[in-house]
């Protein structure tokens, strides 16, 4: 999956930089306001509490870890160049000696925690996008990401004849990314994408979906 997300990120960068307009001064395509939120779910046989909320506690008794996601709300000008944004933060506290549990039926190959990221755009075109990240397999004090979908896209206003940009795309870099004691920021590169890039983004998305399907098939075997 890491390769698939890397291909998608590279495709976005190439699309933005390859545009003839992008070589000139940056163009402000739209002003936008976005907000993020997130919820957690544990996979089967993992002891946890707080599922369906932004704060989950894994384990029980004196051997626990609590992970909380705090979203953002921000307004900025979207251009045909990439802008690095903070999309929220993960904060983890854990008892001394805590290690993440593993799934008993497959301790080394399956995720134990799911995170659902919701990004909402209020303008220029109201829209909401959801992405699923999965962390695992456990057995350590940190919990790395295993499966991720690395981009979210939103519509701009009707593109003008001078620019032709019709998508605002947020590209994440989830590899390497781990949950561990302390605070870590979730960042994305935001930029406007022209019409010809739409098919490229679609293609990279299909590559990512196919990679996930192949990975799950190998796990089942």
C-alpha atoms as a PDB file:
ATOM      1  CA  UNK A   1       0.000   0.000   0.000  1.00  0.00           C
ATOM      2  CA  UNK A   2       2.899   2.309   0.647  1.00  0.00           C
ATOM      3  CA  UNK A   3       3.843   2.190  -3.006  1.00  0.00           C
ATOM      4  CA  UNK A   4       0.299   2.981  -4.106  1.00  0.00           C
ATOM      5  CA  UNK A   5       0.049   6.065  -1.906  1.00  0.00           C
ATOM      6  CA  UNK A   6       3.456   7.236  -3.098  1.00  0.00           C
ATOM      7  CA  UNK A   7       2.316   6.919  -6.723  1.00  0.00           C
ATOM      8  CA  UNK A   8      -0.800   8.947  -5.933  1.00  0.00           C
ATOM      9  CA  UNK A   9       1.189  11.691  -4.221  1.00  0.00           C
ATOM     10  CA  UNK A  10       3.656  11.816  -7.103  1.00  0.00           C
ATOM     11  CA  UNK A  11       0.805  12.015  -9.585  1.00  0.00           C
ATOM     12  CA  UNK A  12      -0.653  15.031  -7.789  1.00  0.00           C
ATOM     13  CA  UNK A  13       2.683  16.820  -7.648  1.00  0.00           C
ATOM     14  CA  UNK A  14       3.325  16.185 -11.340  1.00  0.00           C
ATOM     15  CA  UNK A  15      -0.137  17.395 -12.287  1.00  0.00           C
ATOM     16  CA  UNK A  16       0.290  20.634 -10.359  1.00  0.00           C
ATOM     17  CA  UNK A  17       3.812  21.323 -11.563  1.00  0.00           C
ATOM     18  CA  UNK A  18       3.239  20.238 -15.168  1.00  0.00           C
ATOM     19  CA  UNK A  19       0.554  22.825 -15.845  1.00  0.00           C
ATOM     20  CA  UNK A  20       1.836  25.686 -18.012  1.00  0.00           C
ATOM     21  CA  UNK A  21       0.124  28.155 -15.689  1.00  0.00           C
ATOM     22  CA  UNK A  22       1.877  26.667 -12.655  1.00  0.00           C
ATOM     23  CA  UNK A  23       5.270  27.757 -13.994  1.00  0.00           C
ATOM     24  CA  UNK A  24       4.208  31.421 -13.725  1.00  0.00           C
ATOM     25  CA  UNK A  25       3.167  33.281 -10.594  1.00  0.00           C
ATOM     26  CA  UNK A  26       0.845  31.307  -8.290  1.00  0.00           C
ATOM     27  CA  UNK A  27      -2.845  31.652  -9.127  1.00  0.00           C
ATOM     28  CA  UNK A  28      -5.423  31.965  -6.356  1.00  0.00           C
ATOM     29  CA  UNK A  29      -8.081  29.552  -7.573  1.00  0.00           C
ATOM     30  CA  UNK A  30     -10.480  29.767  -4.634  1.00  0.00           C
ATOM     31  CA  UNK A  31     -10.811  30.706  -0.982  1.00  0.00           C
ATOM     32  CA  UNK A  32     -11.923  27.751   1.088  1.00  0.00           C
ATOM     33  CA  UNK A  33     -12.849  26.808   4.630  1.00  0.00           C
ATOM     34  CA  UNK A  34     -12.268  23.236   5.804  1.00  0.00           C
ATOM     35  CA  UNK A  35     -12.721  21.368   9.053  1.00  0.00           C
ATOM     36  CA  UNK A  36     -11.753  17.866  10.148  1.00  0.00           C
ATOM     37  CA  UNK A  37     -12.963  15.345  12.689  1.00  0.00           C
ATOM     38  CA  UNK A  38     -12.224  11.700  13.366  1.00  0.00           C
ATOM     39  CA  UNK A  39     -13.507   8.612  15.134  1.00  0.00           C
ATOM     40  CA  UNK A  40     -11.911   5.319  16.182  1.00  0.00           C
ATOM     41  CA  UNK A  41     -13.023   1.689  16.143  1.00  0.00           C
ATOM     42  CA  UNK A  42     -11.182  -1.371  17.435  1.00  0.00           C
ATOM     43  CA  UNK A  43     -11.005  -4.516  15.351  1.00  0.00           C
ATOM     44  CA  UNK A  44     -12.415  -7.811  16.632  1.00  0.00           C
ATOM     45  CA  UNK A  45     -11.225  -9.245  19.963  1.00  0.00           C
ATOM     46  CA  UNK A  46      -9.388  -6.046  20.943  1.00  0.00           C
ATOM     47  CA  UNK A  47     -10.446  -4.733  24.356  1.00  0.00           C
ATOM     48  CA  UNK A  48     -11.229  -1.012  24.122  1.00  0.00           C
ATOM     49  CA  UNK A  49     -13.740   1.671  25.090  1.00  0.00           C
ATOM     50  CA  UNK A  50     -14.880   4.842  23.381  1.00  0.00           C
ATOM     51  CA  UNK A  51     -15.530   3.343  19.949  1.00  0.00           C
ATOM     52  CA  UNK A  52     -17.286   5.724  17.581  1.00  0.00           C
ATOM     53  CA  UNK A  53     -15.780   8.806  19.245  1.00  0.00           C
ATOM     54  CA  UNK A  54     -12.617  10.863  18.776  1.00  0.00           C
ATOM     55  CA  UNK A  55     -11.002   9.362  21.906  1.00  0.00           C
ATOM     56  CA  UNK A  56     -10.442   5.644  22.430  1.00  0.00           C
ATOM     57  CA  UNK A  57      -8.873   3.699  25.286  1.00  0.00           C
ATOM     58  CA  UNK A  58      -7.226   0.392  24.451  1.00  0.00           C
ATOM     59  CA  UNK A  59      -6.664  -2.219  27.167  1.00  0.00           C
ATOM     60  CA  UNK A  60      -8.067  -2.448  30.671  1.00  0.00           C
ATOM     61  CA  UNK A  61      -7.084  -1.974  34.290  1.00  0.00           C
ATOM     62  CA  UNK A  62      -3.622  -0.511  34.790  1.00  0.00           C
ATOM     63  CA  UNK A  63      -2.465  -1.464  31.300  1.00  0.00           C
ATOM     64  CA  UNK A  64      -4.101   1.045  28.944  1.00  0.00           C
ATOM     65  CA  UNK A  65      -3.434   3.668  26.305  1.00  0.00           C
ATOM     66  CA  UNK A  66      -5.761   6.509  25.317  1.00  0.00           C
ATOM     67  CA  UNK A  67      -5.591   8.052  21.831  1.00  0.00           C
ATOM     68  CA  UNK A  68      -7.428  11.301  21.060  1.00  0.00           C
ATOM     69  CA  UNK A  69      -7.811  13.047  17.715  1.00  0.00           C
ATOM     70  CA  UNK A  70      -8.420  16.791  17.676  1.00  0.00           C
ATOM     71  CA  UNK A  71      -9.561  18.221  14.364  1.00  0.00           C
ATOM     72  CA  UNK A  72      -9.111  21.690  12.892  1.00  0.00           C
ATOM     73  CA  UNK A  73     -11.083  24.415  11.197  1.00  0.00           C
ATOM     74  CA  UNK A  74      -9.173  26.752   8.901  1.00  0.00           C
ATOM     75  CA  UNK A  75      -9.633  29.131   5.971  1.00  0.00           C
ATOM     76  CA  UNK A  76      -7.011  29.749   3.301  1.00  0.00           C
ATOM     77  CA  UNK A  77      -6.463  30.700  -0.330  1.00  0.00           C
ATOM     78  CA  UNK A  78      -6.042  27.695  -2.617  1.00  0.00           C
ATOM     79  CA  UNK A  79      -3.463  28.166  -5.362  1.00  0.00           C
ATOM     80  CA  UNK A  80      -1.942  26.051  -8.111  1.00  0.00           C
ATOM     81  CA  UNK A  81       1.033  25.433  -5.803  1.00  0.00           C
ATOM     82  CA  UNK A  82       1.081  23.043  -2.842  1.00  0.00           C
ATOM     83  CA  UNK A  83       0.476  24.405   0.649  1.00  0.00           C
ATOM     84  CA  UNK A  84       1.338  22.330   3.728  1.00  0.00           C
ATOM     85  CA  UNK A  85      -1.498  22.310   6.281  1.00  0.00           C
ATOM     86  CA  UNK A  86      -2.083  20.778   9.684  1.00  0.00           C
ATOM     87  CA  UNK A  87      -5.293  18.749   9.488  1.00  0.00           C
ATOM     88  CA  UNK A  88      -5.417  17.779  13.151  1.00  0.00           C
ATOM     89  CA  UNK A  89      -3.415  16.118  15.910  1.00  0.00           C
ATOM     90  CA  UNK A  90      -3.228  12.711  17.589  1.00  0.00           C
ATOM     91  CA  UNK A  91      -2.385  12.675  21.300  1.00  0.00           C
ATOM     92  CA  UNK A  92      -1.577   9.439  23.101  1.00  0.00           C
ATOM     93  CA  UNK A  93      -1.105   8.758  26.802  1.00  0.00           C
ATOM     94  CA  UNK A  94      -0.173   5.301  28.084  1.00  0.00           C
ATOM     95  CA  UNK A  95       0.561   3.512  31.321  1.00  0.00           C
ATOM     96  CA  UNK A  96       4.138   2.477  32.044  1.00  0.00           C
ATOM     97  CA  UNK A  97       5.178  -0.561  30.054  1.00  0.00           C
ATOM     98  CA  UNK A  98       2.117  -0.479  27.786  1.00  0.00           C
ATOM     99  CA  UNK A  99       2.288  -2.400  24.514  1.00  0.00           C
ATOM    100  CA  UNK A 100      -0.514  -2.604  21.976  1.00  0.00           C
ATOM    101  CA  UNK A 101      -2.382  -5.926  21.902  1.00  0.00           C
ATOM    102  CA  UNK A 102      -2.427  -8.171  18.857  1.00  0.00           C
ATOM    103  CA  UNK A 103      -5.274 -10.024  17.214  1.00  0.00           C
ATOM    104  CA  UNK A 104      -5.083 -13.607  18.483  1.00  0.00           C
ATOM    105  CA  UNK A 105      -6.104 -15.220  15.186  1.00  0.00           C
ATOM    106  CA  UNK A 106      -3.433 -13.374  13.185  1.00  0.00           C
ATOM    107  CA  UNK A 107      -1.032 -11.455  15.459  1.00  0.00           C
ATOM    108  CA  UNK A 108       1.421 -10.261  12.822  1.00  0.00           C
ATOM    109  CA  UNK A 109      -0.669  -9.529   9.741  1.00  0.00           C
ATOM    110  CA  UNK A 110      -3.896  -7.701  10.588  1.00  0.00           C
ATOM    111  CA  UNK A 111      -4.726  -4.171  11.839  1.00  0.00           C
ATOM    112  CA  UNK A 112      -6.136  -3.703  15.342  1.00  0.00           C
ATOM    113  CA  UNK A 113      -7.382  -0.104  15.120  1.00  0.00           C
ATOM    114  CA  UNK A 114      -9.375   1.843  12.517  1.00  0.00           C
ATOM    115  CA  UNK A 115      -9.494   5.628  12.210  1.00  0.00           C
ATOM    116  CA  UNK A 116     -12.179   7.357  10.164  1.00  0.00           C
ATOM    117  CA  UNK A 117     -11.127  10.835   9.007  1.00  0.00           C
ATOM    118  CA  UNK A 118     -13.892  13.228   7.936  1.00  0.00           C
ATOM    119  CA  UNK A 119     -13.023  16.427   6.089  1.00  0.00           C
ATOM    120  CA  UNK A 120     -15.755  18.988   5.451  1.00  0.00           C
ATOM    121  CA  UNK A 121     -15.532  21.934   3.053  1.00  0.00           C
ATOM    122  CA  UNK A 122     -18.038  24.763   3.550  1.00  0.00           C
ATOM    123  CA  UNK A 123     -16.939  26.913   0.613  1.00  0.00           C
ATOM    124  CA  UNK A 124     -16.601  27.467  -2.263  1.00  0.00           C
ATOM    125  CA  UNK A 125     -18.672  24.285  -2.757  1.00  0.00           C
ATOM    126  CA  UNK A 126     -20.042  22.510   0.363  1.00  0.00           C
ATOM    127  CA  UNK A 127     -18.836  18.913   0.421  1.00  0.00           C
ATOM    128  CA  UNK A 128     -17.736  16.150   2.789  1.00  0.00           C
ATOM    129  CA  UNK A 129     -15.147  13.411   2.266  1.00  0.00           C
ATOM    130  CA  UNK A 130     -14.369  10.344   4.393  1.00  0.00           C
ATOM    131  CA  UNK A 131     -11.164   8.308   4.517  1.00  0.00           C
ATOM    132  CA  UNK A 132     -10.282   5.149   6.452  1.00  0.00           C
ATOM    133  CA  UNK A 133      -6.863   4.463   7.976  1.00  0.00           C
ATOM    134  CA  UNK A 134      -5.956   1.199   9.714  1.00  0.00           C
ATOM    135  CA  UNK A 135      -3.197   0.731  12.300  1.00  0.00           C
ATOM    136  CA  UNK A 136      -1.477  -2.427  13.492  1.00  0.00           C
ATOM    137  CA  UNK A 137      -0.502  -5.144  14.041  1.00  0.00           C
ATOM    138  CA  UNK A 138       0.384  -4.388  17.695  1.00  0.00           C
ATOM    139  CA  UNK A 139       2.931  -6.010  19.981  1.00  0.00           C
ATOM    140  CA  UNK A 140       4.935  -2.809  20.560  1.00  0.00           C
ATOM    141  CA  UNK A 141       4.596   0.543  22.356  1.00  0.00           C
ATOM    142  CA  UNK A 142       4.007   2.277  19.010  1.00  0.00           C
ATOM    143  CA  UNK A 143       1.293   1.496  16.459  1.00  0.00           C
ATOM    144  CA  UNK A 144       2.234   2.066  12.794  1.00  0.00           C
ATOM    145  CA  UNK A 145      -0.224   2.660  10.006  1.00  0.00           C
ATOM    146  CA  UNK A 146      -0.822  -0.349   7.743  1.00  0.00           C
ATOM    147  CA  UNK A 147      -3.466   0.777   5.241  1.00  0.00           C
ATOM    148  CA  UNK A 148      -4.219   4.344   4.137  1.00  0.00           C
ATOM    149  CA  UNK A 149      -5.928   6.244   1.361  1.00  0.00           C
ATOM    150  CA  UNK A 150      -3.729   9.253   0.794  1.00  0.00           C
ATOM    151  CA  UNK A 151      -5.894  11.889  -0.946  1.00  0.00           C
ATOM    152  CA  UNK A 152      -9.184  13.751  -0.598  1.00  0.00           C
ATOM    153  CA  UNK A 153     -10.636  15.988  -3.307  1.00  0.00           C
ATOM    154  CA  UNK A 154     -13.249  18.754  -3.365  1.00  0.00           C
ATOM    155  CA  UNK A 155     -14.807  20.864  -6.107  1.00  0.00           C
ATOM    156  CA  UNK A 156     -13.980  24.515  -6.688  1.00  0.00           C
ATOM    157  CA  UNK A 157     -16.364  27.021  -8.197  1.00  0.00           C
ATOM    158  CA  UNK A 158     -16.893  26.795 -11.961  1.00  0.00           C
ATOM    159  CA  UNK A 159     -13.397  27.054 -13.437  1.00  0.00           C
ATOM    160  CA  UNK A 160     -12.607  30.202 -15.376  1.00  0.00           C
ATOM    161  CA  UNK A 161     -11.308  30.028 -18.910  1.00  0.00           C
ATOM    162  CA  UNK A 162      -7.965  31.414 -17.745  1.00  0.00           C
ATOM    163  CA  UNK A 163      -7.200  28.680 -15.209  1.00  0.00           C
ATOM    164  CA  UNK A 164      -9.292  25.532 -15.731  1.00  0.00           C
ATOM    165  CA  UNK A 165      -8.690  24.288 -12.166  1.00  0.00           C
ATOM    166  CA  UNK A 166     -11.706  22.375 -10.906  1.00  0.00           C
ATOM    167  CA  UNK A 167     -10.463  20.347  -7.912  1.00  0.00           C
ATOM    168  CA  UNK A 168      -8.912  21.092  -4.542  1.00  0.00           C
ATOM    169  CA  UNK A 169      -6.875  18.054  -3.509  1.00  0.00           C
ATOM    170  CA  UNK A 170      -5.438  17.286  -0.061  1.00  0.00           C
ATOM    171  CA  UNK A 171      -2.591  14.776  -0.262  1.00  0.00           C
ATOM    172  CA  UNK A 172      -1.420  13.018   2.899  1.00  0.00           C
ATOM    173  CA  UNK A 173       1.874  11.209   3.472  1.00  0.00           C
ATOM    174  CA  UNK A 174       0.816   8.402   5.827  1.00  0.00           C
ATOM    175  CA  UNK A 175       4.017   6.355   5.481  1.00  0.00           C
ATOM    176  CA  UNK A 176       5.817   6.269   7.813  1.00  0.00           C
ATOM    177  CA  UNK A 177       3.261   7.322  10.436  1.00  0.00           C
ATOM    178  CA  UNK A 178       2.841   5.836  13.922  1.00  0.00           C
ATOM    179  CA  UNK A 179       0.795   6.443  17.029  1.00  0.00           C
ATOM    180  CA  UNK A 180       3.019   6.666  20.107  1.00  0.00           C
ATOM    181  CA  UNK A 181       3.036   8.457  23.502  1.00  0.00           C
ATOM    182  CA  UNK A 182       2.954  12.207  22.924  1.00  0.00           C
ATOM    183  CA  UNK A 183       1.436  14.386  20.203  1.00  0.00           C
ATOM    184  CA  UNK A 184       1.831  14.034  16.449  1.00  0.00           C
ATOM    185  CA  UNK A 185       0.365  16.281  13.755  1.00  0.00           C
ATOM    186  CA  UNK A 186      -1.552  15.011  10.725  1.00  0.00           C
ATOM    187  CA  UNK A 187      -0.505  17.128   7.724  1.00  0.00           C
ATOM    188  CA  UNK A 188      -1.585  17.382   4.101  1.00  0.00           C
ATOM    189  CA  UNK A 189      -0.413  19.231   0.996  1.00  0.00           C
ATOM    190  CA  UNK A 190      -3.307  21.210  -0.491  1.00  0.00           C
ATOM    191  CA  UNK A 191      -3.405  22.479  -4.055  1.00  0.00           C
ATOM    192  CA  UNK A 192      -5.650  23.122  -7.026  1.00  0.00           C
ATOM    193  CA  UNK A 193      -5.644  20.570  -9.829  1.00  0.00           C
ATOM    194  CA  UNK A 194      -6.568  21.287 -13.481  1.00  0.00           C
ATOM    195  CA  UNK A 195      -9.112  19.288 -15.483  1.00  0.00           C
ATOM    196  CA  UNK A 196      -6.590  16.944 -17.243  1.00  0.00           C
ATOM    197  CA  UNK A 197      -5.364  15.800 -13.833  1.00  0.00           C
ATOM    198  CA  UNK A 198      -8.762  14.359 -12.935  1.00  0.00           C
ATOM    199  CA  UNK A 199      -8.157  11.152 -14.904  1.00  0.00           C
ATOM    200  CA  UNK A 200      -4.662  10.818 -13.436  1.00  0.00           C
ATOM    201  CA  UNK A 201      -6.047  11.076  -9.918  1.00  0.00           C
ATOM    202  CA  UNK A 202      -8.745   8.542 -10.775  1.00  0.00           C
ATOM    203  CA  UNK A 203      -6.096   6.170 -12.097  1.00  0.00           C
ATOM    204  CA  UNK A 204      -3.922   6.440  -8.989  1.00  0.00           C
ATOM    205  CA  UNK A 205      -6.991   5.903  -6.810  1.00  0.00           C
ATOM    206  CA  UNK A 206      -7.779   2.693  -8.664  1.00  0.00           C
ATOM    207  CA  UNK A 207      -4.162   1.578  -8.213  1.00  0.00           C
ATOM    208  CA  UNK A 208      -4.497   2.133  -4.478  1.00  0.00           C
ATOM    209  CA  UNK A 209      -7.764   0.217  -4.280  1.00  0.00           C
ATOM    210  CA  UNK A 210      -6.293  -2.696  -6.211  1.00  0.00           C
ATOM    211  CA  UNK A 211      -3.260  -2.792  -3.925  1.00  0.00           C
ATOM    212  CA  UNK A 212      -5.490  -2.993  -0.854  1.00  0.00           C
ATOM    213  CA  UNK A 213      -7.495  -5.811  -2.403  1.00  0.00           C
ATOM    214  CA  UNK A 214      -4.337  -7.779  -3.189  1.00  0.00           C
ATOM    215  CA  UNK A 215      -3.009  -7.207   0.343  1.00  0.00           C
ATOM    216  CA  UNK A 216      -6.220  -8.444   1.955  1.00  0.00           C
ATOM    217  CA  UNK A 217      -6.219 -11.497  -0.325  1.00  0.00           C
ATOM    218  CA  UNK A 218      -2.669 -12.392   0.746  1.00  0.00           C
ATOM    219  CA  UNK A 219      -3.632 -12.027   4.421  1.00  0.00           C
ATOM    220  CA  UNK A 220      -6.603 -14.365   4.007  1.00  0.00           C
ATOM    221  CA  UNK A 221      -4.406 -16.951   2.323  1.00  0.00           C
END
